[in-house]
Amino acid sequence: MNDTFLSAKWENLIMANYAVEAAVLTPYLPKGVELDYYNDKAYVSLVGFMFKETSLFNIPIPFFGTFEEINLRFYVKRKEGARVKRGVVFINETVPFKAVAWLANKLYKEHYITIPTKNSIDIAGTRQVKYEWKIDNHWNHLKVDAALDTEKMKRGSMEEFIFEHYYGYTKINPLVSQEYQINHPRWLINKVLNSSVHCNFKAMYGDAFAGLNEARPDSVFIAEGSPVTVKWKRTSF
């Protein structure tokens, strides 16, 4: 079996980042990993991006290969001796196709749901990217207007902390966790000129995140993205 389960292009990744109390995230924390902090703060990120040219085991998916995904994730690390693996845990992932959600939930016990989504991307004078999703008959959005010029992330920066995680962790049950590896080059970022976030966190993610409904994000970033691969192998621990 091919070692690469999924290959795709991830493009125009918007991350709206909110500092939250660690206690909010503890119920979602897989066994064997711990919260990762930036400047002593735990963060969740509301993420929007384009999935393009999706293939499974190198077989293109003709009808479901391009779509927008919205997710809420937080940051963790797993220690193996002297090695520290930095990764993410997804609280929820939203896509427009039931087949995509079913496959991810069936194979990997992920937390996908299916609701209407749409996008608007205009790269002319600036990089204008908007993702929308419908919950409780209302459209929510994540929108950025950014410079066209790209720049490298600085070492030790908040951008690096948010974007540079190459492992995913899933809570299978209270006693079992799974680790998988994500491969992509270090992304280039664009300077955000303006941003807008409207999200009913309570309706999307539950009462624990209701306090974010009226909160302003601590930061909003956008990266151009790149081809990405996800390994088939998952390590249980």
Protein backbone atom coordinates (compact mmCIF):
# COMPACT_ATOMS: atom_id res chain seq x y z
CA MET A 1 0.00 0.00 0.00
CA ASN A 2 1.24 3.45 -0.86
CA ASP A 3 2.52 5.24 2.26
CA THR A 4 0.80 8.49 1.24
CA PHE A 5 -2.90 8.44 2.06
CA LEU A 6 -3.79 11.95 0.96
CA SER A 7 -2.15 14.47 -1.32
CA ALA A 8 -3.57 17.87 -2.15
CA LYS A 9 -2.86 21.55 -2.44
CA TRP A 10 -3.75 23.67 0.56
CA GLU A 11 -4.07 27.30 -0.51
CA ASN A 12 -4.90 30.67 1.08
CA LEU A 13 -4.86 29.46 4.67
CA ILE A 14 -6.42 32.00 7.04
CA MET A 15 -5.83 31.56 10.77
CA ALA A 16 -7.77 33.68 13.28
CA ASN A 17 -6.16 33.03 16.66
CA TYR A 18 -7.72 33.36 20.12
CA ALA A 19 -6.07 32.95 23.51
CA VAL A 20 -8.20 30.70 25.75
CA GLU A 21 -7.94 29.25 29.22
CA ALA A 22 -6.23 25.86 29.29
CA ALA A 23 -9.24 24.39 31.08
CA VAL A 24 -11.35 24.97 27.96
CA LEU A 25 -9.11 22.66 25.93
CA THR A 26 -8.40 19.95 28.51
CA PRO A 27 -11.50 17.84 27.67
CA TYR A 28 -10.31 17.62 24.04
CA LEU A 29 -6.70 16.75 24.87
CA PRO A 30 -5.63 13.28 23.67
CA LYS A 31 -3.87 11.08 26.19
CA GLY A 32 -0.08 11.32 25.94
CA VAL A 33 0.16 14.88 24.62
CA GLU A 34 0.20 18.22 26.43
CA LEU A 35 -0.82 21.73 25.52
CA ASP A 36 1.71 23.81 23.63
CA TYR A 37 1.92 27.45 24.67
CA TYR A 38 3.16 30.61 23.02
CA ASN A 39 4.29 33.24 25.52
CA ASP A 40 2.50 31.27 28.25
CA LYS A 41 -0.84 31.34 26.41
CA ALA A 42 -2.88 28.52 24.90
CA TYR A 43 -4.51 29.27 21.56
CA VAL A 44 -7.28 28.01 19.34
CA SER A 45 -7.34 28.92 15.67
CA LEU A 46 -10.39 29.31 13.47
CA VAL A 47 -9.04 28.19 10.11
CA GLY A 48 -10.29 28.54 6.55
CA PHE A 49 -8.48 27.26 3.47
CA MET A 50 -8.90 25.73 0.03
CA PHE A 51 -8.43 22.02 -0.56
CA LYS A 52 -7.47 21.50 -4.24
CA GLU A 53 -6.42 18.63 -6.51
CA THR A 54 -7.14 16.08 -3.83
CA SER A 55 -5.98 12.49 -4.35
CA LEU A 56 -6.29 9.40 -2.18
CA PHE A 57 -3.47 6.86 -2.61
CA ASN A 58 -2.47 8.83 -5.74
CA ILE A 59 -5.94 8.41 -7.27
CA PRO A 60 -7.55 11.78 -8.10
CA ILE A 61 -11.00 12.47 -6.63
CA PRO A 62 -12.84 13.96 -9.62
CA PHE A 63 -16.02 15.35 -8.06
CA PHE A 64 -14.88 16.11 -4.53
CA GLY A 65 -11.30 17.21 -5.13
CA THR A 66 -11.74 20.96 -4.62
CA PHE A 67 -13.55 22.48 -1.66
CA GLU A 68 -13.15 24.89 1.24
CA GLU A 69 -12.59 23.59 4.76
CA ILE A 70 -13.30 25.42 8.01
CA ASN A 71 -11.89 24.03 11.24
CA LEU A 72 -11.15 24.86 14.83
CA ARG A 73 -7.85 23.55 16.16
CA PHE A 74 -5.46 23.93 19.06
CA TYR A 75 -1.78 23.27 19.65
CA VAL A 76 -0.08 20.42 21.47
CA LYS A 77 3.26 18.68 21.82
CA ARG A 78 4.33 15.12 22.43
CA LYS A 79 7.65 14.30 24.07
CA GLU A 80 9.61 11.22 23.03
CA GLY A 81 12.77 11.25 25.08
CA ALA A 82 14.68 14.38 24.09
CA ARG A 83 12.53 14.87 20.99
CA VAL A 84 9.53 17.19 21.02
CA LYS A 85 6.87 16.72 18.33
CA ARG A 86 4.64 19.74 17.84
CA GLY A 87 1.18 19.13 16.46
CA VAL A 88 -2.47 20.09 16.34
CA VAL A 89 -5.75 18.68 17.59
CA PHE A 90 -8.94 19.39 15.64
CA ILE A 91 -12.04 20.13 17.65
CA ASN A 92 -14.16 20.14 14.52
CA GLU A 93 -13.67 20.21 10.75
CA THR A 94 -16.32 21.42 8.32
CA VAL A 95 -16.57 20.58 4.61
CA PRO A 96 -19.39 20.88 2.05
CA PHE A 97 -19.39 17.24 0.88
CA LYS A 98 -20.92 14.42 2.92
CA ALA A 99 -18.72 11.84 1.20
CA VAL A 100 -15.53 13.62 2.33
CA ALA A 101 -16.76 13.91 5.91
CA TRP A 102 -17.92 10.29 6.00
CA LEU A 103 -14.59 8.98 4.72
CA ALA A 104 -12.51 10.99 7.19
CA ASN A 105 -14.71 10.03 10.13
CA LYS A 106 -14.86 6.37 9.10
CA LEU A 107 -11.16 5.84 8.43
CA TYR A 108 -9.63 8.04 11.10
CA LYS A 109 -12.33 8.83 13.66
CA GLU A 110 -12.01 12.52 12.93
CA HIS A 111 -14.63 15.13 13.78
CA TYR A 112 -15.98 16.24 10.40
CA ILE A 113 -19.42 17.70 9.80
CA THR A 114 -21.08 18.79 6.56
CA ILE A 115 -22.75 22.19 6.14
CA PRO A 116 -23.02 24.63 3.21
CA THR A 117 -19.80 26.54 2.48
CA LYS A 118 -18.57 28.93 -0.18
CA ASN A 119 -15.55 31.07 -0.97
CA SER A 120 -14.54 34.25 -2.75
CA ILE A 121 -10.91 34.72 -3.78
CA ASP A 122 -9.70 37.75 -5.71
CA ILE A 123 -5.98 38.24 -6.23
CA ALA A 124 -5.58 41.51 -8.08
CA GLY A 125 -4.37 44.64 -6.29
CA THR A 126 -4.40 42.75 -2.98
CA ARG A 127 -5.08 39.18 -1.87
CA GLN A 128 -8.77 39.20 -0.91
CA VAL A 129 -9.94 35.89 0.51
CA LYS A 130 -13.28 35.13 2.12
CA TYR A 131 -14.66 31.82 3.41
CA GLU A 132 -18.29 31.44 4.42
CA TRP A 133 -20.26 28.66 6.10
CA LYS A 134 -23.92 28.38 7.05
CA ILE A 135 -25.04 27.34 10.53
CA ASP A 136 -28.53 27.82 12.01
CA ASN A 137 -29.61 29.48 8.74
CA HIS A 138 -27.01 32.23 9.10
CA TRP A 139 -23.85 32.73 7.08
CA ASN A 140 -20.63 33.07 9.07
CA HIS A 141 -17.38 34.27 7.54
CA LEU A 142 -13.63 34.54 7.80
CA LYS A 143 -12.21 37.28 5.59
CA VAL A 144 -8.77 38.73 4.92
CA ASP A 145 -7.39 41.48 2.71
CA ALA A 146 -3.64 41.00 2.46
CA ALA A 147 -0.61 42.23 0.54
CA LEU A 148 0.41 40.30 -2.56
CA ASP A 149 4.09 40.24 -1.65
CA THR A 150 5.13 37.22 0.37
CA GLU A 151 7.59 37.07 3.23
CA LYS A 152 9.26 34.41 5.31
CA MET A 153 8.12 33.67 8.82
CA LYS A 154 10.54 34.84 11.48
CA ARG A 155 12.02 32.27 13.82
CA GLY A 156 10.25 32.32 17.15
CA SER A 157 7.35 34.41 15.81
CA MET A 158 3.67 33.89 16.50
CA GLU A 159 3.22 33.06 12.82
CA GLU A 160 5.76 30.26 13.12
CA PHE A 161 4.02 28.90 16.21
CA ILE A 162 0.65 28.84 14.44
CA PHE A 163 1.73 27.44 11.08
CA GLU A 164 4.69 25.18 11.84
CA HIS A 165 3.12 21.98 13.18
CA TYR A 166 3.74 18.75 11.32
CA TYR A 167 1.79 16.23 13.39
CA GLY A 168 -1.88 15.67 13.98
CA TYR A 169 -3.27 14.01 17.09
CA THR A 170 -6.66 12.37 17.49
CA LYS A 171 -8.39 11.34 20.70
CA ILE A 172 -9.76 7.89 19.87
CA ASN A 173 -11.04 7.37 23.41
CA PRO A 174 -9.87 8.43 26.90
CA LEU A 175 -7.11 5.79 26.84
CA VAL A 176 -5.99 5.69 23.20
CA SER A 177 -4.58 8.44 20.96
CA GLN A 178 -3.33 8.41 17.39
CA GLU A 179 -0.53 10.38 15.73
CA TYR A 180 -0.18 11.07 12.03
CA GLN A 181 2.35 13.07 10.02
CA ILE A 182 1.71 16.00 7.70
CA ASN A 183 4.35 17.04 5.16
CA HIS A 184 4.71 20.40 3.47
CA PRO A 185 7.42 23.03 2.99
CA ARG A 186 7.72 26.00 5.30
CA TRP A 187 5.03 28.38 4.07
CA LEU A 188 5.38 31.98 2.98
CA ILE A 189 2.99 34.48 4.52
CA ASN A 190 1.31 37.69 3.40
CA LYS A 191 0.93 40.80 5.50
CA VAL A 192 -2.71 41.14 6.58
CA LEU A 193 -4.08 44.61 5.85
CA ASN A 194 -7.65 44.08 7.09
CA SER A 195 -9.62 41.16 8.46
CA SER A 196 -13.15 40.30 9.52
CA VAL A 197 -14.43 37.34 11.52
CA HIS A 198 -18.06 36.50 12.18
CA CYS A 199 -18.51 33.09 13.78
CA ASN A 200 -21.18 31.63 16.04
CA PHE A 201 -18.68 29.59 18.05
CA LYS A 202 -21.38 28.36 20.42
CA ALA A 203 -23.48 26.89 17.61
CA MET A 204 -20.46 25.46 15.79
CA TYR A 205 -18.32 24.18 18.63
CA GLY A 206 -20.41 24.11 21.79
CA ASP A 207 -20.90 26.03 25.01
CA ALA A 208 -17.20 25.85 25.96
CA PHE A 209 -16.41 28.29 23.13
CA ALA A 210 -19.41 30.59 23.50
CA GLY A 211 -17.19 33.29 24.98
CA LEU A 212 -15.47 33.72 21.61
CA ASN A 213 -18.69 34.85 19.92
CA GLU A 214 -18.05 38.48 20.81
CA ALA A 215 -14.26 38.28 21.12
CA ARG A 216 -11.80 39.80 18.70
CA PRO A 217 -8.99 37.49 17.61
CA ASP A 218 -5.57 38.17 19.08
CA SER A 219 -4.12 37.86 15.58
CA VAL A 220 -5.10 36.92 12.02
CA PHE A 221 -2.59 35.43 9.56
CA ILE A 222 -2.68 34.18 6.00
CA ALA A 223 -0.26 31.85 4.21
CA GLU A 224 -0.12 31.06 0.52
CA GLY A 225 0.08 27.32 1.13
CA SER A 226 1.60 24.51 -0.93
CA PRO A 227 1.21 20.87 -1.91
CA VAL A 228 0.63 18.72 1.19
CA THR A 229 0.78 15.01 1.89
CA VAL A 230 -0.61 13.05 4.81
CA LYS A 231 0.85 9.66 5.63
CA TRP A 232 -1.39 6.58 5.78
CA LYS A 233 0.36 5.21 8.86
CA ARG A 234 -1.08 6.25 12.21
CA THR A 235 0.66 5.44 15.45
CA SER A 236 -1.54 4.53 18.41
CA PHE A 237 -0.26 5.21 21.90
